[in-house]
Amino acid sequence: MTLEEQLTIKNKLGLHARAAIKLVELAARYNAEVMIITEEKQASAASVLGLLLLERAQGQQITVRCEGPDAKPALRAVKALVEARFDEQE
């Protein structure tokens, strides 16, 4: 099963190191390949460095693609993390 959803980065600092680490830790909990895609690049949610190289700032779009047995719960969890601004206080 492959699912995809477009999300907007809402936290003030964008997809920076702490946010990328949270995303990697979250994605590792699921039996699914989680990819983060921009207009120009894509990165696995298993790679902090790959996520940082996407250079996503507040207000920019990402597409989250989840593939595998846990695609649905993985996508739901990633969406919740992004919507919660990566649990950052602003």
PDB file of N, CA and C in Angstrom:
ATOM      1  N   MET A   1       0.841  -1.179   0.000  1.00  0.00           N
ATOM      2  CA  MET A   1       0.000   0.000   0.000  1.00  0.00           C
ATOM      3  C   MET A   1       0.889   1.248   0.000  1.00  0.00           C
ATOM      4  N   THR A   2       0.566   2.183  -0.867  1.00  0.00           N
ATOM      5  CA  THR A   2       1.284   3.451  -0.930  1.00  0.00           C
ATOM      6  C   THR A   2       0.291   4.591  -0.736  1.00  0.00           C
ATOM      7  N   LEU A   3       0.608   5.469   0.198  1.00  0.00           N
ATOM      8  CA  LEU A   3      -0.233   6.630   0.473  1.00  0.00           C
ATOM      9  C   LEU A   3       0.623   7.887   0.397  1.00  0.00           C
ATOM     10  N   GLU A   4      -0.003   8.980   0.015  1.00  0.00           N
ATOM     11  CA  GLU A   4       0.710  10.247  -0.140  1.00  0.00           C
ATOM     12  C   GLU A   4      -0.168  11.388   0.338  1.00  0.00           C
ATOM     13  N   GLU A   5       0.462  12.389   0.954  1.00  0.00           N
ATOM     14  CA  GLU A   5      -0.281  13.584   1.350  1.00  0.00           C
ATOM     15  C   GLU A   5       0.668  14.783   1.349  1.00  0.00           C
ATOM     16  N   GLN A   6       0.142  15.910   0.916  1.00  0.00           N
ATOM     17  CA  GLN A   6       0.922  17.142   0.912  1.00  0.00           C
ATOM     18  C   GLN A   6       0.653  17.899   2.214  1.00  0.00           C
ATOM     19  N   LEU A   7       1.744  18.345   2.856  1.00  0.00           N
ATOM     20  CA  LEU A   7       1.647  19.050   4.126  1.00  0.00           C
ATOM     21  C   LEU A   7       2.440  20.350   4.055  1.00  0.00           C
ATOM     22  N   THR A   8       2.121  21.271   4.949  1.00  0.00           N
ATOM     23  CA  THR A   8       2.831  22.536   5.042  1.00  0.00           C
ATOM     24  C   THR A   8       3.631  22.552   6.339  1.00  0.00           C
ATOM     25  N   ILE A   9       4.901  22.912   6.245  1.00  0.00           N
ATOM     26  CA  ILE A   9       5.747  23.037   7.429  1.00  0.00           C
ATOM     27  C   ILE A   9       5.263  24.265   8.206  1.00  0.00           C
ATOM     28  N   LYS A  10       4.923  24.088   9.472  1.00  0.00           N
ATOM     29  CA  LYS A  10       4.318  25.172  10.244  1.00  0.00           C
ATOM     30  C   LYS A  10       5.234  25.740  11.328  1.00  0.00           C
ATOM     31  N   ASN A  11       6.226  24.964  11.753  1.00  0.00           N
ATOM     32  CA  ASN A  11       7.067  25.461  12.843  1.00  0.00           C
ATOM     33  C   ASN A  11       8.017  26.546  12.351  1.00  0.00           C
ATOM     34  N   LYS A  12       8.343  27.448  13.248  1.00  0.00           N
ATOM     35  CA  LYS A  12       9.107  28.652  12.926  1.00  0.00           C
ATOM     36  C   LYS A  12      10.469  28.358  12.274  1.00  0.00           C
ATOM     37  N   LEU A  13      11.154  27.316  12.756  1.00  0.00           N
ATOM     38  CA  LEU A  13      12.506  27.024  12.264  1.00  0.00           C
ATOM     39  C   LEU A  13      12.525  26.064  11.079  1.00  0.00           C
ATOM     40  N   GLY A  14      11.377  25.602  10.642  1.00  0.00           N
ATOM     41  CA  GLY A  14      11.329  24.699   9.493  1.00  0.00           C
ATOM     42  C   GLY A  14      11.843  23.312   9.842  1.00  0.00           C
ATOM     43  N   LEU A  15      12.294  22.603   8.831  1.00  0.00           N
ATOM     44  CA  LEU A  15      12.783  21.232   9.020  1.00  0.00           C
ATOM     45  C   LEU A  15      14.267  21.295   9.377  1.00  0.00           C
ATOM     46  N   HIS A  16      14.546  21.679  10.611  1.00  0.00           N
ATOM     47  CA  HIS A  16      15.919  21.818  11.108  1.00  0.00           C
ATOM     48  C   HIS A  16      16.314  20.529  11.836  1.00  0.00           C
ATOM     49  N   ALA A  17      17.491  20.515  12.464  1.00  0.00           N
ATOM     50  CA  ALA A  17      18.038  19.277  13.033  1.00  0.00           C
ATOM     51  C   ALA A  17      17.116  18.605  14.047  1.00  0.00           C
ATOM     52  N   ARG A  18      16.622  19.342  15.008  1.00  0.00           N
ATOM     53  CA  ARG A  18      15.788  18.729  16.053  1.00  0.00           C
ATOM     54  C   ARG A  18      14.499  18.162  15.447  1.00  0.00           C
ATOM     55  N   ALA A  19      13.884  18.891  14.527  1.00  0.00           N
ATOM     56  CA  ALA A  19      12.666  18.416  13.868  1.00  0.00           C
ATOM     57  C   ALA A  19      12.962  17.173  13.024  1.00  0.00           C
ATOM     58  N   ALA A  20      14.097  17.182  12.326  1.00  0.00           N
ATOM     59  CA  ALA A  20      14.473  16.029  11.496  1.00  0.00           C
ATOM     60  C   ALA A  20      14.697  14.789  12.363  1.00  0.00           C
ATOM     61  N   ILE A  21      15.331  14.963  13.511  1.00  0.00           N
ATOM     62  CA  ILE A  21      15.564  13.830  14.416  1.00  0.00           C
ATOM     63  C   ILE A  21      14.226  13.263  14.901  1.00  0.00           C
ATOM     64  N   LYS A  22      13.293  14.132  15.259  1.00  0.00           N
ATOM     65  CA  LYS A  22      11.969  13.665  15.695  1.00  0.00           C
ATOM     66  C   LYS A  22      11.279  12.874  14.594  1.00  0.00           C
ATOM     67  N   LEU A  23      11.401  13.361  13.361  1.00  0.00           N
ATOM     68  CA  LEU A  23      10.775  12.681  12.229  1.00  0.00           C
ATOM     69  C   LEU A  23      11.409  11.309  11.990  1.00  0.00           C
ATOM     70  N   VAL A  24      12.741  11.226  12.062  1.00  0.00           N
ATOM     71  CA  VAL A  24      13.442   9.951  11.881  1.00  0.00           C
ATOM     72  C   VAL A  24      13.029   8.956  12.973  1.00  0.00           C
ATOM     73  N   GLU A  25      12.991   9.421  14.221  1.00  0.00           N
ATOM     74  CA  GLU A  25      12.601   8.538  15.332  1.00  0.00           C
ATOM     75  C   GLU A  25      11.163   8.051  15.170  1.00  0.00           C
ATOM     76  N   LEU A  26      10.280   8.925  14.737  1.00  0.00           N
ATOM     77  CA  LEU A  26       8.881   8.553  14.528  1.00  0.00           C
ATOM     78  C   LEU A  26       8.750   7.528  13.399  1.00  0.00           C
ATOM     79  N   ALA A  27       9.379   7.789  12.279  1.00  0.00           N
ATOM     80  CA  ALA A  27       9.271   6.898  11.115  1.00  0.00           C
ATOM     81  C   ALA A  27       9.814   5.503  11.423  1.00  0.00           C
ATOM     82  N   ALA A  28      10.824   5.429  12.283  1.00  0.00           N
ATOM     83  CA  ALA A  28      11.440   4.136  12.620  1.00  0.00           C
ATOM     84  C   ALA A  28      10.476   3.213  13.371  1.00  0.00           C
ATOM     85  N   ARG A  29       9.416   3.746  13.923  1.00  0.00           N
ATOM     86  CA  ARG A  29       8.447   2.938  14.681  1.00  0.00           C
ATOM     87  C   ARG A  29       7.524   2.119  13.793  1.00  0.00           C
ATOM     88  N   TYR A  30       7.523   2.397  12.505  1.00  0.00           N
ATOM     89  CA  TYR A  30       6.547   1.779  11.599  1.00  0.00           C
ATOM     90  C   TYR A  30       7.225   0.889  10.564  1.00  0.00           C
ATOM     91  N   ASN A  31       6.503  -0.138  10.158  1.00  0.00           N
ATOM     92  CA  ASN A  31       6.968  -1.018   9.097  1.00  0.00           C
ATOM     93  C   ASN A  31       6.517  -0.411   7.762  1.00  0.00           C
ATOM     94  N   ALA A  32       7.168   0.705   7.430  1.00  0.00           N
ATOM     95  CA  ALA A  32       6.827   1.421   6.199  1.00  0.00           C
ATOM     96  C   ALA A  32       8.028   2.260   5.787  1.00  0.00           C
ATOM     97  N   GLU A  33       8.183   2.433   4.482  1.00  0.00           N
ATOM     98  CA  GLU A  33       9.195   3.353   3.980  1.00  0.00           C
ATOM     99  C   GLU A  33       8.529   4.721   3.882  1.00  0.00           C
ATOM    100  N   VAL A  34       9.111   5.692   4.573  1.00  0.00           N
ATOM    101  CA  VAL A  34       8.558   7.044   4.595  1.00  0.00           C
ATOM    102  C   VAL A  34       9.520   7.954   3.834  1.00  0.00           C
ATOM    103  N   MET A  35       9.005   8.582   2.788  1.00  0.00           N
ATOM    104  CA  MET A  35       9.798   9.504   1.978  1.00  0.00           C
ATOM    105  C   MET A  35       9.207  10.896   2.104  1.00  0.00           C
ATOM    106  N   ILE A  36      10.086  11.890   2.163  1.00  0.00           N
ATOM    107  CA  ILE A  36       9.672  13.286   2.171  1.00  0.00           C
ATOM    108  C   ILE A  36      10.125  13.878   0.843  1.00  0.00           C
ATOM    109  N   ILE A  37       9.197  14.482   0.123  1.00  0.00           N
ATOM    110  CA  ILE A  37       9.457  14.911  -1.252  1.00  0.00           C
ATOM    111  C   ILE A  37       9.154  16.400  -1.381  1.00  0.00           C
ATOM    112  N   THR A  38      10.050  17.110  -2.068  1.00  0.00           N
ATOM    113  CA  THR A  38       9.825  18.515  -2.401  1.00  0.00           C
ATOM    114  C   THR A  38       9.784  18.615  -3.919  1.00  0.00           C
ATOM    115  N   GLU A  39       9.688  19.823  -4.433  1.00  0.00           N
ATOM    116  CA  GLU A  39       9.658  19.999  -5.888  1.00  0.00           C
ATOM    117  C   GLU A  39      10.952  19.516  -6.531  1.00  0.00           C
ATOM    118  N   GLU A  40      12.080  19.694  -5.840  1.00  0.00           N
ATOM    119  CA  GLU A  40      13.380  19.393  -6.436  1.00  0.00           C
ATOM    120  C   GLU A  40      14.043  18.120  -5.907  1.00  0.00           C
ATOM    121  N   LYS A  41      13.730  17.740  -4.662  1.00  0.00           N
ATOM    122  CA  LYS A  41      14.487  16.672  -4.000  1.00  0.00           C
ATOM    123  C   LYS A  41      13.550  15.725  -3.264  1.00  0.00           C
ATOM    124  N   GLN A  42      14.138  14.603  -2.844  1.00  0.00           N
ATOM    125  CA  GLN A  42      13.419  13.706  -1.952  1.00  0.00           C
ATOM    126  C   GLN A  42      14.413  13.052  -1.009  1.00  0.00           C
ATOM    127  N   ALA A  43      13.927  12.658   0.157  1.00  0.00           N
ATOM    128  CA  ALA A  43      14.789  12.031   1.154  1.00  0.00           C
ATOM    129  C   ALA A  43      13.995  11.024   1.959  1.00  0.00           C
ATOM    130  N   SER A  44      14.684   9.999   2.393  1.00  0.00           N
ATOM    131  CA  SER A  44      14.073   9.012   3.268  1.00  0.00           C
ATOM    132  C   SER A  44      13.961   9.599   4.667  1.00  0.00           C
ATOM    133  N   ALA A  45      12.872   9.291   5.344  1.00  0.00           N
ATOM    134  CA  ALA A  45      12.703   9.737   6.726  1.00  0.00           C
ATOM    135  C   ALA A  45      13.566   8.901   7.666  1.00  0.00           C
ATOM    136  N   ALA A  46      14.434   8.069   7.115  1.00  0.00           N
ATOM    137  CA  ALA A  46      15.397   7.323   7.922  1.00  0.00           C
ATOM    138  C   ALA A  46      16.727   8.070   8.009  1.00  0.00           C
ATOM    139  N   SER A  47      16.858   9.192   7.303  1.00  0.00           N
ATOM    140  CA  SER A  47      18.128   9.916   7.218  1.00  0.00           C
ATOM    141  C   SER A  47      17.982  11.366   7.675  1.00  0.00           C
ATOM    142  N   VAL A  48      18.587  11.690   8.824  1.00  0.00           N
ATOM    143  CA  VAL A  48      18.556  13.070   9.308  1.00  0.00           C
ATOM    144  C   VAL A  48      19.220  13.990   8.297  1.00  0.00           C
ATOM    145  N   LEU A  49      20.384  13.600   7.800  1.00  0.00           N
ATOM    146  CA  LEU A  49      21.104  14.432   6.839  1.00  0.00           C
ATOM    147  C   LEU A  49      20.282  14.645   5.572  1.00  0.00           C
ATOM    148  N   GLY A  50      19.675  13.593   5.070  1.00  0.00           N
ATOM    149  CA  GLY A  50      18.840  13.708   3.883  1.00  0.00           C
ATOM    150  C   GLY A  50      17.702  14.697   4.084  1.00  0.00           C
ATOM    151  N   LEU A  51      17.075  14.637   5.265  1.00  0.00           N
ATOM    152  CA  LEU A  51      15.978  15.564   5.559  1.00  0.00           C
ATOM    153  C   LEU A  51      16.472  17.002   5.639  1.00  0.00           C
ATOM    154  N   LEU A  52      17.639  17.199   6.241  1.00  0.00           N
ATOM    155  CA  LEU A  52      18.196  18.553   6.342  1.00  0.00           C
ATOM    156  C   LEU A  52      18.499  19.122   4.957  1.00  0.00           C
ATOM    157  N   LEU A  53      18.926  18.271   4.040  1.00  0.00           N
ATOM    158  CA  LEU A  53      19.267  18.723   2.691  1.00  0.00           C
ATOM    159  C   LEU A  53      18.037  19.147   1.883  1.00  0.00           C
ATOM    160  N   LEU A  54      16.844  18.839   2.384  1.00  0.00           N
ATOM    161  CA  LEU A  54      15.620  19.286   1.704  1.00  0.00           C
ATOM    162  C   LEU A  54      15.401  20.786   1.892  1.00  0.00           C
ATOM    163  N   GLU A  55      15.998  21.349   2.934  1.00  0.00           N
ATOM    164  CA  GLU A  55      15.950  22.791   3.187  1.00  0.00           C
ATOM    165  C   GLU A  55      14.515  23.340   3.160  1.00  0.00           C
ATOM    166  N   ARG A  56      13.682  22.797   4.009  1.00  0.00           N
ATOM    167  CA  ARG A  56      12.293  23.247   4.076  1.00  0.00           C
ATOM    168  C   ARG A  56      12.126  24.261   5.209  1.00  0.00           C
ATOM    169  N   ALA A  57      11.556  25.401   4.886  1.00  0.00           N
ATOM    170  CA  ALA A  57      11.323  26.471   5.845  1.00  0.00           C
ATOM    171  C   ALA A  57       9.840  26.558   6.173  1.00  0.00           C
ATOM    172  N   GLN A  58       9.521  27.349   7.181  1.00  0.00           N
ATOM    173  CA  GLN A  58       8.128  27.564   7.571  1.00  0.00           C
ATOM    174  C   GLN A  58       7.321  28.040   6.364  1.00  0.00           C
ATOM    175  N   GLY A  59       6.160  27.432   6.180  1.00  0.00           N
ATOM    176  CA  GLY A  59       5.270  27.807   5.095  1.00  0.00           C
ATOM    177  C   GLY A  59       5.492  27.040   3.802  1.00  0.00           C
ATOM    178  N   GLN A  60       6.573  26.270   3.708  1.00  0.00           N
ATOM    179  CA  GLN A  60       6.839  25.512   2.487  1.00  0.00           C
ATOM    180  C   GLN A  60       6.151  24.155   2.543  1.00  0.00           C
ATOM    181  N   GLN A  61       5.911  23.606   1.366  1.00  0.00           N
ATOM    182  CA  GLN A  61       5.203  22.338   1.225  1.00  0.00           C
ATOM    183  C   GLN A  61       6.165  21.152   1.178  1.00  0.00           C
ATOM    184  N   ILE A  62       5.691  20.030   1.686  1.00  0.00           N
ATOM    185  CA  ILE A  62       6.354  18.742   1.497  1.00  0.00           C
ATOM    186  C   ILE A  62       5.274  17.738   1.121  1.00  0.00           C
ATOM    187  N   THR A  63       5.673  16.706   0.422  1.00  0.00           N
ATOM    188  CA  THR A  63       4.788  15.578   0.184  1.00  0.00           C
ATOM    189  C   THR A  63       5.340  14.409   0.979  1.00  0.00           C
ATOM    190  N   VAL A  64       4.502  13.770   1.755  1.00  0.00           N
ATOM    191  CA  VAL A  64       4.898  12.601   2.531  1.00  0.00           C
ATOM    192  C   VAL A  64       4.347  11.378   1.808  1.00  0.00           C
ATOM    193  N   ARG A  65       5.244  10.456   1.448  1.00  0.00           N
ATOM    194  CA  ARG A  65       4.835   9.213   0.791  1.00  0.00           C
ATOM    195  C   ARG A  65       5.209   8.052   1.702  1.00  0.00           C
ATOM    196  N   CYS A  66       4.231   7.238   2.045  1.00  0.00           N
ATOM    197  CA  CYS A  66       4.446   6.080   2.899  1.00  0.00           C
ATOM    198  C   CYS A  66       4.072   4.825   2.123  1.00  0.00           C
ATOM    199  N   GLU A  67       4.961   3.847   2.186  1.00  0.00           N
ATOM    200  CA  GLU A  67       4.726   2.600   1.464  1.00  0.00           C
ATOM    201  C   GLU A  67       5.047   1.430   2.372  1.00  0.00           C
ATOM    202  N   GLY A  68       4.155   0.461   2.419  1.00  0.00           N
ATOM    203  CA  GLY A  68       4.378  -0.733   3.230  1.00  0.00           C
ATOM    204  C   GLY A  68       3.169  -1.062   4.083  1.00  0.00           C
ATOM    205  N   PRO A  69       3.285  -2.127   4.883  1.00  0.00           N
ATOM    206  CA  PRO A  69       2.160  -2.584   5.695  1.00  0.00           C
ATOM    207  C   PRO A  69       1.622  -1.526   6.660  1.00  0.00           C
ATOM    208  N   ASP A  70       2.489  -0.683   7.199  1.00  0.00           N
ATOM    209  CA  ASP A  70       2.069   0.350   8.154  1.00  0.00           C
ATOM    210  C   ASP A  70       1.941   1.721   7.514  1.00  0.00           C
ATOM    211  N   ALA A  71       1.705   1.781   6.212  1.00  0.00           N
ATOM    212  CA  ALA A  71       1.659   3.070   5.512  1.00  0.00           C
ATOM    213  C   ALA A  71       0.622   4.012   6.117  1.00  0.00           C
ATOM    214  N   LYS A  72      -0.558   3.503   6.398  1.00  0.00           N
ATOM    215  CA  LYS A  72      -1.630   4.376   6.903  1.00  0.00           C
ATOM    216  C   LYS A  72      -1.300   4.959   8.285  1.00  0.00           C
ATOM    217  N   PRO A  73      -0.923   4.132   9.279  1.00  0.00           N
ATOM    218  CA  PRO A  73      -0.590   4.725  10.578  1.00  0.00           C
ATOM    219  C   PRO A  73       0.673   5.586  10.522  1.00  0.00           C
ATOM    220  N   ALA A  74       1.613   5.236   9.670  1.00  0.00           N
ATOM    221  CA  ALA A  74       2.834   6.048   9.542  1.00  0.00           C
ATOM    222  C   ALA A  74       2.498   7.426   8.997  1.00  0.00           C
ATOM    223  N   LEU A  75       1.680   7.480   7.964  1.00  0.00           N
ATOM    224  CA  LEU A  75       1.286   8.771   7.390  1.00  0.00           C
ATOM    225  C   LEU A  75       0.505   9.600   8.406  1.00  0.00           C
ATOM    226  N   ARG A  76      -0.381   8.951   9.125  1.00  0.00           N
ATOM    227  CA  ARG A  76      -1.173   9.646  10.143  1.00  0.00           C
ATOM    228  C   ARG A  76      -0.252  10.245  11.219  1.00  0.00           C
ATOM    229  N   ALA A  77       0.764   9.491  11.645  1.00  0.00           N
ATOM    230  CA  ALA A  77       1.690   9.946  12.685  1.00  0.00           C
ATOM    231  C   ALA A  77       2.565  11.096  12.187  1.00  0.00           C
ATOM    232  N   VAL A  78       3.065  10.993  10.956  1.00  0.00           N
ATOM    233  CA  VAL A  78       3.891  12.070  10.402  1.00  0.00           C
ATOM    234  C   VAL A  78       3.060  13.339  10.253  1.00  0.00           C
ATOM    235  N   LYS A  79       1.842  13.185   9.778  1.00  0.00           N
ATOM    236  CA  LYS A  79       0.962  14.352   9.636  1.00  0.00           C
ATOM    237  C   LYS A  79       0.718  15.017  10.990  1.00  0.00           C
ATOM    238  N   ALA A  80       0.479  14.216  12.010  1.00  0.00           N
ATOM    239  CA  ALA A  80       0.244  14.763  13.354  1.00  0.00           C
ATOM    240  C   ALA A  80       1.478  15.502  13.860  1.00  0.00           C
ATOM    241  N   LEU A  81       2.664  14.962  13.613  1.00  0.00           N
ATOM    242  CA  LEU A  81       3.905  15.607  14.053  1.00  0.00           C
ATOM    243  C   LEU A  81       4.097  16.953  13.351  1.00  0.00           C
ATOM    244  N   VAL A  82       3.875  16.987  12.047  1.00  0.00           N
ATOM    245  CA  VAL A  82       4.023  18.233  11.287  1.00  0.00           C
ATOM    246  C   VAL A  82       2.974  19.242  11.739  1.00  0.00           C
ATOM    247  N   GLU A  83       1.730  18.799  11.901  1.00  0.00           N
ATOM    248  CA  GLU A  83       0.656  19.692  12.336  1.00  0.00           C
ATOM    249  C   GLU A  83       0.919  20.248  13.735  1.00  0.00           C
ATOM    250  N   ALA A  84       1.599  19.458  14.578  1.00  0.00           N
ATOM    251  CA  ALA A  84       1.918  19.884  15.947  1.00  0.00           C
ATOM    252  C   ALA A  84       3.210  20.715  15.986  1.00  0.00           C
ATOM    253  N   ARG A  85       3.685  21.133  14.811  1.00  0.00           N
ATOM    254  CA  ARG A  85       4.903  21.959  14.699  1.00  0.00           C
ATOM    255  C   ARG A  85       6.111  21.254  15.305  1.00  0.00           C
ATOM    256  N   PHE A  86       6.169  19.925  15.150  1.00  0.00           N
ATOM    257  CA  PHE A  86       7.272  19.120  15.681  1.00  0.00           C
ATOM    258  C   PHE A  86       7.417  19.294  17.196  1.00  0.00           C
ATOM    259  N   ASP A  87       6.296  19.583  17.861  1.00  0.00           N
ATOM    260  CA  ASP A  87       6.233  19.766  19.316  1.00  0.00           C
ATOM    261  C   ASP A  87       7.079  20.931  19.805  1.00  0.00           C
ATOM    262  N   GLU A  88       7.296  21.914  18.960  1.00  0.00           N
ATOM    263  CA  GLU A  88       8.088  23.085  19.346  1.00  0.00           C
ATOM    264  C   GLU A  88       7.162  24.191  19.850  1.00  0.00           C
ATOM    265  N   GLN A  89       7.625  24.909  20.842  1.00  0.00           N
ATOM    266  CA  GLN A  89       6.882  26.049  21.371  1.00  0.00           C
ATOM    267  C   GLN A  89       7.223  27.278  20.545  1.00  0.00           C
ATOM    268  N   GLU A  90       6.205  28.046  20.177  1.00  0.00           N
ATOM    269  CA  GLU A  90       6.489  29.226  19.361  1.00  0.00           C
ATOM    270  C   GLU A  90       5.884  30.449  19.984  1.00  0.00           C
TER     271      GLU A  90
END
